[in-house]
PDB file of N, CA and C in Angstrom:
ATOM      1  N   UNK A   1     -22.491  56.619 -10.130  1.00  0.00           N
ATOM      2  CA  UNK A   1     -21.998  55.880 -10.942  1.00  0.00           C
ATOM      3  C   UNK A   1     -22.073  55.097 -11.770  1.00  0.00           C
ATOM      4  N   UNK A   2     -23.017  53.953 -11.371  1.00  0.00           N
ATOM      5  CA  UNK A   2     -23.150  52.571 -11.932  1.00  0.00           C
ATOM      6  C   UNK A   2     -24.079  53.162 -13.314  1.00  0.00           C
ATOM      7  N   UNK A   3     -24.449  53.940 -12.924  1.00  0.00           N
ATOM      8  CA  UNK A   3     -25.543  54.276 -14.465  1.00  0.00           C
ATOM      9  C   UNK A   3     -25.512  55.397 -15.042  1.00  0.00           C
ATOM     10  N   UNK A   4     -24.365  56.737 -14.813  1.00  0.00           N
ATOM     11  CA  UNK A   4     -24.551  57.561 -15.400  1.00  0.00           C
ATOM     12  C   UNK A   4     -22.663  57.660 -15.730  1.00  0.00           C
ATOM     13  N   UNK A   5     -22.202  58.241 -16.716  1.00  0.00           N
ATOM     14  CA  UNK A   5     -20.800  57.834 -17.031  1.00  0.00           C
ATOM     15  C   UNK A   5     -20.114  59.319 -16.776  1.00  0.00           C
ATOM     16  N   UNK A   6     -19.064  58.836 -16.055  1.00  0.00           N
ATOM     17  CA  UNK A   6     -18.174  60.068 -15.480  1.00  0.00           C
ATOM     18  C   UNK A   6     -18.935  60.925 -15.067  1.00  0.00           C
ATOM     19  N   UNK A   7     -20.091  61.015 -14.125  1.00  0.00           N
ATOM     20  CA  UNK A   7     -20.834  62.014 -13.121  1.00  0.00           C
ATOM     21  C   UNK A   7     -19.677  62.937 -12.539  1.00  0.00           C
ATOM     22  N   UNK A   8     -20.440  64.058 -12.207  1.00  0.00           N
ATOM     23  CA  UNK A   8     -20.040  65.294 -11.664  1.00  0.00           C
ATOM     24  C   UNK A   8     -20.752  65.531 -10.087  1.00  0.00           C
ATOM     25  N   UNK A   9     -19.907  65.519  -9.062  1.00  0.00           N
ATOM     26  CA  UNK A   9     -20.783  65.392  -8.033  1.00  0.00           C
ATOM     27  C   UNK A   9     -20.470  67.102  -6.923  1.00  0.00           C
ATOM     28  N   UNK A  10     -21.420  67.475  -6.583  1.00  0.00           N
ATOM     29  CA  UNK A  10     -21.419  68.732  -5.949  1.00  0.00           C
ATOM     30  C   UNK A  10     -20.347  68.699  -4.756  1.00  0.00           C
ATOM     31  N   UNK A  11     -19.482  69.865  -4.131  1.00  0.00           N
ATOM     32  CA  UNK A  11     -18.785  70.089  -2.963  1.00  0.00           C
ATOM     33  C   UNK A  11     -19.767  69.506  -2.189  1.00  0.00           C
ATOM     34  N   UNK A  12     -18.851  68.945  -0.714  1.00  0.00           N
ATOM     35  CA  UNK A  12     -19.853  68.395  -0.131  1.00  0.00           C
ATOM     36  C   UNK A  12     -18.678  69.245   1.437  1.00  0.00           C
ATOM     37  N   UNK A  13     -19.284  70.164   2.066  1.00  0.00           N
ATOM     38  CA  UNK A  13     -18.429  70.671   2.980  1.00  0.00           C
ATOM     39  C   UNK A  13     -19.005  69.886   4.038  1.00  0.00           C
ATOM     40  N   UNK A  14     -17.875  68.980   5.009  1.00  0.00           N
ATOM     41  CA  UNK A  14     -18.471  67.746   6.134  1.00  0.00           C
ATOM     42  C   UNK A  14     -18.170  68.879   7.075  1.00  0.00           C
ATOM     43  N   UNK A  15     -17.634  69.987   7.238  1.00  0.00           N
ATOM     44  CA  UNK A  15     -17.612  70.304   8.597  1.00  0.00           C
ATOM     45  C   UNK A  15     -18.396  71.695   8.524  1.00  0.00           C
ATOM     46  N   UNK A  16     -18.832  72.043   7.913  1.00  0.00           N
ATOM     47  CA  UNK A  16     -20.735  72.682   7.545  1.00  0.00           C
ATOM     48  C   UNK A  16     -21.520  71.933   8.083  1.00  0.00           C
ATOM     49  N   UNK A  17     -21.475  70.783   7.623  1.00  0.00           N
ATOM     50  CA  UNK A  17     -22.479  69.777   7.908  1.00  0.00           C
ATOM     51  C   UNK A  17     -22.555  69.454   8.968  1.00  0.00           C
ATOM     52  N   UNK A  18     -21.436  69.399   9.820  1.00  0.00           N
ATOM     53  CA  UNK A  18     -21.633  68.979  11.236  1.00  0.00           C
ATOM     54  C   UNK A  18     -21.977  70.200  12.010  1.00  0.00           C
ATOM     55  N   UNK A  19     -21.730  71.340  11.752  1.00  0.00           N
ATOM     56  CA  UNK A  19     -21.776  72.439  12.598  1.00  0.00           C
ATOM     57  C   UNK A  19     -23.579  72.616  12.433  1.00  0.00           C
ATOM     58  N   UNK A  20     -23.950  72.842  10.885  1.00  0.00           N
ATOM     59  CA  UNK A  20     -25.952  72.621  10.545  1.00  0.00           C
ATOM     60  C   UNK A  20     -26.324  71.877  11.332  1.00  0.00           C
ATOM     61  N   UNK A  21     -25.679  70.945  11.527  1.00  0.00           N
ATOM     62  CA  UNK A  21     -26.880  69.547  11.956  1.00  0.00           C
ATOM     63  C   UNK A  21     -26.016  69.232  13.300  1.00  0.00           C
ATOM     64  N   UNK A  22     -25.447  70.533  13.937  1.00  0.00           N
ATOM     65  CA  UNK A  22     -24.962  70.134  15.400  1.00  0.00           C
ATOM     66  C   UNK A  22     -24.691  68.343  15.606  1.00  0.00           C
ATOM     67  N   UNK A  23     -23.681  68.361  15.562  1.00  0.00           N
ATOM     68  CA  UNK A  23     -23.230  66.734  15.612  1.00  0.00           C
ATOM     69  C   UNK A  23     -22.687  66.935  17.010  1.00  0.00           C
ATOM     70  N   UNK A  24     -22.596  67.341  17.599  1.00  0.00           N
ATOM     71  CA  UNK A  24     -21.973  67.291  19.272  1.00  0.00           C
ATOM     72  C   UNK A  24     -23.307  67.030  20.082  1.00  0.00           C
ATOM     73  N   UNK A  25     -24.496  67.206  19.733  1.00  0.00           N
ATOM     74  CA  UNK A  25     -25.825  67.014  20.245  1.00  0.00           C
ATOM     75  C   UNK A  25     -26.429  66.196  20.132  1.00  0.00           C
ATOM     76  N   UNK A  26     -25.762  64.927  19.450  1.00  0.00           N
ATOM     77  CA  UNK A  26     -26.527  63.525  18.724  1.00  0.00           C
ATOM     78  C   UNK A  26     -26.539  62.670  20.234  1.00  0.00           C
ATOM     79  N   UNK A  27     -27.320  62.313  20.225  1.00  0.00           N
ATOM     80  CA  UNK A  27     -27.300  61.033  20.686  1.00  0.00           C
ATOM     81  C   UNK A  27     -26.379  59.710  20.355  1.00  0.00           C
ATOM     82  N   UNK A  28     -25.094  59.509  21.280  1.00  0.00           N
ATOM     83  CA  UNK A  28     -24.264  58.169  21.010  1.00  0.00           C
ATOM     84  C   UNK A  28     -24.939  56.862  21.027  1.00  0.00           C
ATOM     85  N   UNK A  29     -25.902  56.673  21.395  1.00  0.00           N
ATOM     86  CA  UNK A  29     -26.936  55.312  21.173  1.00  0.00           C
ATOM     87  C   UNK A  29     -27.574  55.245  20.077  1.00  0.00           C
ATOM     88  N   UNK A  30     -28.158  56.586  19.764  1.00  0.00           N
ATOM     89  CA  UNK A  30     -29.154  56.603  18.481  1.00  0.00           C
ATOM     90  C   UNK A  30     -27.762  56.950  17.260  1.00  0.00           C
ATOM     91  N   UNK A  31     -27.038  57.373  17.214  1.00  0.00           N
ATOM     92  CA  UNK A  31     -25.884  57.302  16.277  1.00  0.00           C
ATOM     93  C   UNK A  31     -25.434  55.996  15.998  1.00  0.00           C
ATOM     94  N   UNK A  32     -24.983  55.384  16.856  1.00  0.00           N
ATOM     95  CA  UNK A  32     -24.277  53.999  16.432  1.00  0.00           C
ATOM     96  C   UNK A  32     -25.177  52.895  16.175  1.00  0.00           C
ATOM     97  N   UNK A  33     -26.549  53.184  16.151  1.00  0.00           N
ATOM     98  CA  UNK A  33     -27.414  52.727  15.943  1.00  0.00           C
ATOM     99  C   UNK A  33     -27.355  52.623  13.816  1.00  0.00           C
ATOM    100  N   UNK A  34     -27.736  54.388  13.927  1.00  0.00           N
ATOM    101  CA  UNK A  34     -28.057  54.293  12.333  1.00  0.00           C
ATOM    102  C   UNK A  34     -26.731  54.307  11.679  1.00  0.00           C
ATOM    103  N   UNK A  35     -25.270  54.302  12.773  1.00  0.00           N
ATOM    104  CA  UNK A  35     -24.285  53.507  11.919  1.00  0.00           C
ATOM    105  C   UNK A  35     -24.060  52.102  11.440  1.00  0.00           C
ATOM    106  N   UNK A  36     -24.751  51.516  12.375  1.00  0.00           N
ATOM    107  CA  UNK A  36     -24.427  49.992  12.279  1.00  0.00           C
ATOM    108  C   UNK A  36     -25.448  49.632  11.004  1.00  0.00           C
ATOM    109  N   UNK A  37     -27.300  50.171  10.522  1.00  0.00           N
ATOM    110  CA  UNK A  37     -27.690  50.372   9.742  1.00  0.00           C
ATOM    111  C   UNK A  37     -27.352  51.129   8.463  1.00  0.00           C
ATOM    112  N   UNK A  38     -26.443  52.065   8.356  1.00  0.00           N
ATOM    113  CA  UNK A  38     -26.033  52.417   7.062  1.00  0.00           C
ATOM    114  C   UNK A  38     -25.236  51.575   6.621  1.00  0.00           C
ATOM    115  N   UNK A  39     -23.908  51.068   7.716  1.00  0.00           N
ATOM    116  CA  UNK A  39     -23.057  50.400   7.242  1.00  0.00           C
ATOM    117  C   UNK A  39     -23.296  49.074   6.375  1.00  0.00           C
ATOM    118  N   UNK A  40     -24.469  48.325   7.129  1.00  0.00           N
ATOM    119  CA  UNK A  40     -24.956  47.597   6.246  1.00  0.00           C
ATOM    120  C   UNK A  40     -25.406  47.608   4.713  1.00  0.00           C
ATOM    121  N   UNK A  41     -26.117  48.405   5.165  1.00  0.00           N
ATOM    122  CA  UNK A  41     -26.871  49.041   3.917  1.00  0.00           C
ATOM    123  C   UNK A  41     -25.641  49.365   2.700  1.00  0.00           C
ATOM    124  N   UNK A  42     -24.594  50.120   3.355  1.00  0.00           N
ATOM    125  CA  UNK A  42     -23.240  50.282   2.103  1.00  0.00           C
ATOM    126  C   UNK A  42     -22.731  49.216   1.624  1.00  0.00           C
ATOM    127  N   UNK A  43     -22.746  48.242   2.476  1.00  0.00           N
ATOM    128  CA  UNK A  43     -21.697  46.787   2.571  1.00  0.00           C
ATOM    129  C   UNK A  43     -22.286  46.070   1.420  1.00  0.00           C
ATOM    130  N   UNK A  44     -24.203  46.124   1.402  1.00  0.00           N
ATOM    131  CA  UNK A  44     -24.851  45.375   0.676  1.00  0.00           C
ATOM    132  C   UNK A  44     -24.243  46.035  -0.836  1.00  0.00           C
ATOM    133  N   UNK A  45     -24.713  47.693  -0.806  1.00  0.00           N
ATOM    134  CA  UNK A  45     -24.990  47.719  -2.148  1.00  0.00           C
ATOM    135  C   UNK A  45     -23.145  47.786  -2.725  1.00  0.00           C
ATOM    136  N   UNK A  46     -21.801  47.605  -2.344  1.00  0.00           N
ATOM    137  CA  UNK A  46     -21.018  47.171  -2.589  1.00  0.00           C
ATOM    138  C   UNK A  46     -20.740  46.113  -2.727  1.00  0.00           C
ATOM    139  N   UNK A  47     -21.405  45.216  -2.348  1.00  0.00           N
ATOM    140  CA  UNK A  47     -21.203  43.936  -2.889  1.00  0.00           C
ATOM    141  C   UNK A  47     -21.925  43.388  -4.100  1.00  0.00           C
ATOM    142  N   UNK A  48     -23.035  44.675  -4.313  1.00  0.00           N
ATOM    143  CA  UNK A  48     -23.517  44.051  -5.626  1.00  0.00           C
ATOM    144  C   UNK A  48     -23.398  45.235  -6.808  1.00  0.00           C
ATOM    145  N   UNK A  49     -22.147  45.491  -6.630  1.00  0.00           N
ATOM    146  CA  UNK A  49     -21.284  46.253  -7.949  1.00  0.00           C
ATOM    147  C   UNK A  49     -20.895  45.095  -8.695  1.00  0.00           C
ATOM    148  N   UNK A  50     -21.736  45.332 -10.048  1.00  0.00           N
ATOM    149  CA  UNK A  50     -21.291  44.047 -10.814  1.00  0.00           C
ATOM    150  C   UNK A  50     -19.746  43.866 -11.459  1.00  0.00           C
ATOM    151  N   UNK A  51     -19.258  42.874 -11.832  1.00  0.00           N
ATOM    152  CA  UNK A  51     -17.832  42.793 -12.429  1.00  0.00           C
ATOM    153  C   UNK A  51     -17.561  43.612 -13.472  1.00  0.00           C
ATOM    154  N   UNK A  52     -16.633  44.517 -13.569  1.00  0.00           N
ATOM    155  CA  UNK A  52     -16.218  44.970 -14.472  1.00  0.00           C
ATOM    156  C   UNK A  52     -16.780  46.577 -14.527  1.00  0.00           C
ATOM    157  N   UNK A  53     -17.422  46.904 -13.132  1.00  0.00           N
ATOM    158  CA  UNK A  53     -18.101  48.210 -12.831  1.00  0.00           C
ATOM    159  C   UNK A  53     -17.017  49.046 -11.628  1.00  0.00           C
ATOM    160  N   UNK A  54     -16.187  48.200 -11.143  1.00  0.00           N
ATOM    161  CA  UNK A  54     -15.363  49.061 -10.101  1.00  0.00           C
ATOM    162  C   UNK A  54     -14.484  50.066 -10.893  1.00  0.00           C
ATOM    163  N   UNK A  55     -14.172  50.155 -12.546  1.00  0.00           N
ATOM    164  CA  UNK A  55     -13.534  51.511 -13.044  1.00  0.00           C
ATOM    165  C   UNK A  55     -14.038  52.632 -13.450  1.00  0.00           C
ATOM    166  N   UNK A  56     -15.309  52.284 -13.480  1.00  0.00           N
ATOM    167  CA  UNK A  56     -16.238  53.487 -13.736  1.00  0.00           C
ATOM    168  C   UNK A  56     -16.137  54.677 -12.716  1.00  0.00           C
ATOM    169  N   UNK A  57     -15.834  55.772 -13.678  1.00  0.00           N
ATOM    170  CA  UNK A  57     -15.299  57.121 -12.557  1.00  0.00           C
ATOM    171  C   UNK A  57     -16.342  58.137 -12.692  1.00  0.00           C
ATOM    172  N   UNK A  58     -16.129  59.155 -11.545  1.00  0.00           N
ATOM    173  CA  UNK A  58     -16.775  59.992 -11.389  1.00  0.00           C
ATOM    174  C   UNK A  58     -15.782  61.207 -11.116  1.00  0.00           C
ATOM    175  N   UNK A  59     -16.454  62.610 -10.849  1.00  0.00           N
ATOM    176  CA  UNK A  59     -15.492  63.380 -10.629  1.00  0.00           C
ATOM    177  C   UNK A  59     -16.030  64.528  -9.415  1.00  0.00           C
ATOM    178  N   UNK A  60     -15.153  65.062  -8.942  1.00  0.00           N
ATOM    179  CA  UNK A  60     -15.754  66.051  -7.621  1.00  0.00           C
ATOM    180  C   UNK A  60     -16.077  66.968  -8.616  1.00  0.00           C
ATOM    181  N   UNK A  61     -16.368  68.229  -7.972  1.00  0.00           N
ATOM    182  CA  UNK A  61     -16.644  69.276  -8.459  1.00  0.00           C
ATOM    183  C   UNK A  61     -15.291  70.438  -9.117  1.00  0.00           C
ATOM    184  N   UNK A  62     -13.934  70.130  -8.274  1.00  0.00           N
ATOM    185  CA  UNK A  62     -12.866  70.231  -8.421  1.00  0.00           C
ATOM    186  C   UNK A  62     -11.848  69.451  -9.660  1.00  0.00           C
ATOM    187  N   UNK A  63     -12.504  68.295 -10.246  1.00  0.00           N
ATOM    188  CA  UNK A  63     -12.700  67.735 -11.194  1.00  0.00           C
ATOM    189  C   UNK A  63     -11.706  66.493 -11.023  1.00  0.00           C
ATOM    190  N   UNK A  64     -11.080  66.542  -9.724  1.00  0.00           N
ATOM    191  CA  UNK A  64     -10.549  65.683  -9.728  1.00  0.00           C
ATOM    192  C   UNK A  64     -11.262  63.743  -9.602  1.00  0.00           C
ATOM    193  N   UNK A  65     -10.700  63.231 -10.303  1.00  0.00           N
ATOM    194  CA  UNK A  65     -11.223  61.953 -10.360  1.00  0.00           C
ATOM    195  C   UNK A  65     -11.414  60.465  -9.756  1.00  0.00           C
ATOM    196  N   UNK A  66     -12.229  59.912  -9.557  1.00  0.00           N
ATOM    197  CA  UNK A  66     -11.873  58.896  -8.543  1.00  0.00           C
ATOM    198  C   UNK A  66     -13.183  57.512  -9.182  1.00  0.00           C
ATOM    199  N   UNK A  67     -12.941  56.417  -8.452  1.00  0.00           N
ATOM    200  CA  UNK A  67     -13.416  55.167  -9.099  1.00  0.00           C
ATOM    201  C   UNK A  67     -14.384  54.917  -8.169  1.00  0.00           C
ATOM    202  N   UNK A  68     -15.113  53.860  -8.514  1.00  0.00           N
ATOM    203  CA  UNK A  68     -16.429  53.281  -7.494  1.00  0.00           C
ATOM    204  C   UNK A  68     -15.265  52.551  -6.382  1.00  0.00           C
ATOM    205  N   UNK A  69     -14.273  52.283  -7.037  1.00  0.00           N
ATOM    206  CA  UNK A  69     -13.355  51.164  -6.094  1.00  0.00           C
ATOM    207  C   UNK A  69     -12.898  52.083  -4.933  1.00  0.00           C
ATOM    208  N   UNK A  70     -12.455  52.874  -5.815  1.00  0.00           N
ATOM    209  CA  UNK A  70     -11.722  53.956  -5.035  1.00  0.00           C
ATOM    210  C   UNK A  70     -12.470  54.791  -3.783  1.00  0.00           C
ATOM    211  N   UNK A  71     -13.756  55.223  -4.552  1.00  0.00           N
ATOM    212  CA  UNK A  71     -14.389  55.726  -3.498  1.00  0.00           C
ATOM    213  C   UNK A  71     -14.916  54.761  -2.111  1.00  0.00           C
ATOM    214  N   UNK A  72     -14.883  53.799  -2.533  1.00  0.00           N
ATOM    215  CA  UNK A  72     -14.966  52.480  -1.500  1.00  0.00           C
ATOM    216  C   UNK A  72     -13.793  52.578  -0.138  1.00  0.00           C
ATOM    217  N   UNK A  73     -12.845  52.277  -1.125  1.00  0.00           N
ATOM    218  CA  UNK A  73     -11.486  52.217  -0.279  1.00  0.00           C
ATOM    219  C   UNK A  73     -11.710  53.724   0.660  1.00  0.00           C
ATOM    220  N   UNK A  74     -11.595  55.102   0.052  1.00  0.00           N
ATOM    221  CA  UNK A  74     -12.019  55.995   0.774  1.00  0.00           C
ATOM    222  C   UNK A  74     -12.803  56.005   2.159  1.00  0.00           C
ATOM    223  N   UNK A  75     -13.978  55.862   1.658  1.00  0.00           N
ATOM    224  CA  UNK A  75     -15.244  55.334   2.293  1.00  0.00           C
ATOM    225  C   UNK A  75     -14.994  54.400   3.673  1.00  0.00           C
ATOM    226  N   UNK A  76     -13.999  53.381   3.478  1.00  0.00           N
ATOM    227  CA  UNK A  76     -13.799  52.413   4.861  1.00  0.00           C
ATOM    228  C   UNK A  76     -12.889  53.358   5.363  1.00  0.00           C
ATOM    229  N   UNK A  77     -11.763  53.849   4.906  1.00  0.00           N
ATOM    230  CA  UNK A  77     -10.703  54.478   5.506  1.00  0.00           C
ATOM    231  C   UNK A  77     -10.807  55.908   6.564  1.00  0.00           C
ATOM    232  N   UNK A  78     -12.125  56.343   5.741  1.00  0.00           N
ATOM    233  CA  UNK A  78     -12.873  57.781   6.569  1.00  0.00           C
ATOM    234  C   UNK A  78     -13.273  57.071   8.033  1.00  0.00           C
ATOM    235  N   UNK A  79     -14.175  56.086   7.803  1.00  0.00           N
ATOM    236  CA  UNK A  79     -14.795  55.188   9.186  1.00  0.00           C
ATOM    237  C   UNK A  79     -13.868  55.249  10.166  1.00  0.00           C
ATOM    238  N   UNK A  80     -12.849  54.748   9.236  1.00  0.00           N
ATOM    239  CA  UNK A  80     -12.049  54.052  10.690  1.00  0.00           C
ATOM    240  C   UNK A  80     -11.170  55.352  11.348  1.00  0.00           C
ATOM    241  N   UNK A  81     -10.443  56.182  10.274  1.00  0.00           N
ATOM    242  CA  UNK A  81     -10.096  57.545  10.804  1.00  0.00           C
ATOM    243  C   UNK A  81     -10.773  57.901  11.505  1.00  0.00           C
ATOM    244  N   UNK A  82     -12.349  58.296  11.654  1.00  0.00           N
ATOM    245  CA  UNK A  82     -13.006  58.892  12.455  1.00  0.00           C
ATOM    246  C   UNK A  82     -13.411  58.356  14.043  1.00  0.00           C
ATOM    247  N   UNK A  83     -13.404  56.607  13.644  1.00  0.00           N
ATOM    248  CA  UNK A  83     -13.529  56.261  15.011  1.00  0.00           C
ATOM    249  C   UNK A  83     -12.325  56.198  15.555  1.00  0.00           C
ATOM    250  N   UNK A  84     -11.071  56.048  15.091  1.00  0.00           N
ATOM    251  CA  UNK A  84      -9.831  56.634  15.634  1.00  0.00           C
ATOM    252  C   UNK A  84     -10.213  58.067  16.635  1.00  0.00           C
ATOM    253  N   UNK A  85     -10.769  59.061  15.850  1.00  0.00           N
ATOM    254  CA  UNK A  85     -10.767  60.262  16.417  1.00  0.00           C
ATOM    255  C   UNK A  85     -11.260  60.880  17.509  1.00  0.00           C
ATOM    256  N   UNK A  86     -12.335  59.499  17.597  1.00  0.00           N
ATOM    257  CA  UNK A  86     -13.407  59.470  18.401  1.00  0.00           C
ATOM    258  C   UNK A  86     -12.916  58.153  20.062  1.00  0.00           C
ATOM    259  N   UNK A  87     -11.741  58.205  19.627  1.00  0.00           N
ATOM    260  CA  UNK A  87     -11.315  56.614  20.791  1.00  0.00           C
ATOM    261  C   UNK A  87     -11.659  55.977  20.389  1.00  0.00           C
ATOM    262  N   UNK A  88     -12.549  55.103  19.980  1.00  0.00           N
ATOM    263  CA  UNK A  88     -13.204  53.804  19.175  1.00  0.00           C
ATOM    264  C   UNK A  88     -12.392  52.972  18.758  1.00  0.00           C
ATOM    265  N   UNK A  89     -11.014  53.324  18.385  1.00  0.00           N
ATOM    266  CA  UNK A  89     -10.041  52.388  17.210  1.00  0.00           C
ATOM    267  C   UNK A  89     -10.463  51.250  18.247  1.00  0.00           C
ATOM    268  N   UNK A  90     -10.181  50.964  19.390  1.00  0.00           N
ATOM    269  CA  UNK A  90     -10.146  49.819  20.400  1.00  0.00           C
ATOM    270  C   UNK A  90     -11.420  48.898  20.022  1.00  0.00           C
ATOM    271  N   UNK A  91     -12.525  49.534  19.940  1.00  0.00           N
ATOM    272  CA  UNK A  91     -13.533  48.754  19.545  1.00  0.00           C
ATOM    273  C   UNK A  91     -13.164  47.993  17.661  1.00  0.00           C
ATOM    274  N   UNK A  92     -12.791  48.154  16.876  1.00  0.00           N
ATOM    275  CA  UNK A  92     -12.472  47.451  15.785  1.00  0.00           C
ATOM    276  C   UNK A  92     -11.731  46.234  15.566  1.00  0.00           C
ATOM    277  N   UNK A  93     -12.155  45.172  14.978  1.00  0.00           N
ATOM    278  CA  UNK A  93     -11.464  44.210  15.062  1.00  0.00           C
ATOM    279  C   UNK A  93     -10.018  43.979  14.703  1.00  0.00           C
TER     280      UNK A  93
END
């Protein structure tokens, strides 16, 4: 979204991905390390968004529009939501 004007992103079926990747078989310790590493990378990417670039748009395959800012907001919401789903909410500050 920072390099292309209004890109369209393919649909991603998170439920199919979970089944295909057999998430329930993952080692929780390994996953927590992977999530921590990915979280730091994601924070670095968002910290590097230049001023004025937050309103840049992208579209889902169904035509719904979002911005760099709303994608980041949704991403944080999704992480918190899923931590709550697995009973980890009490671990958040």
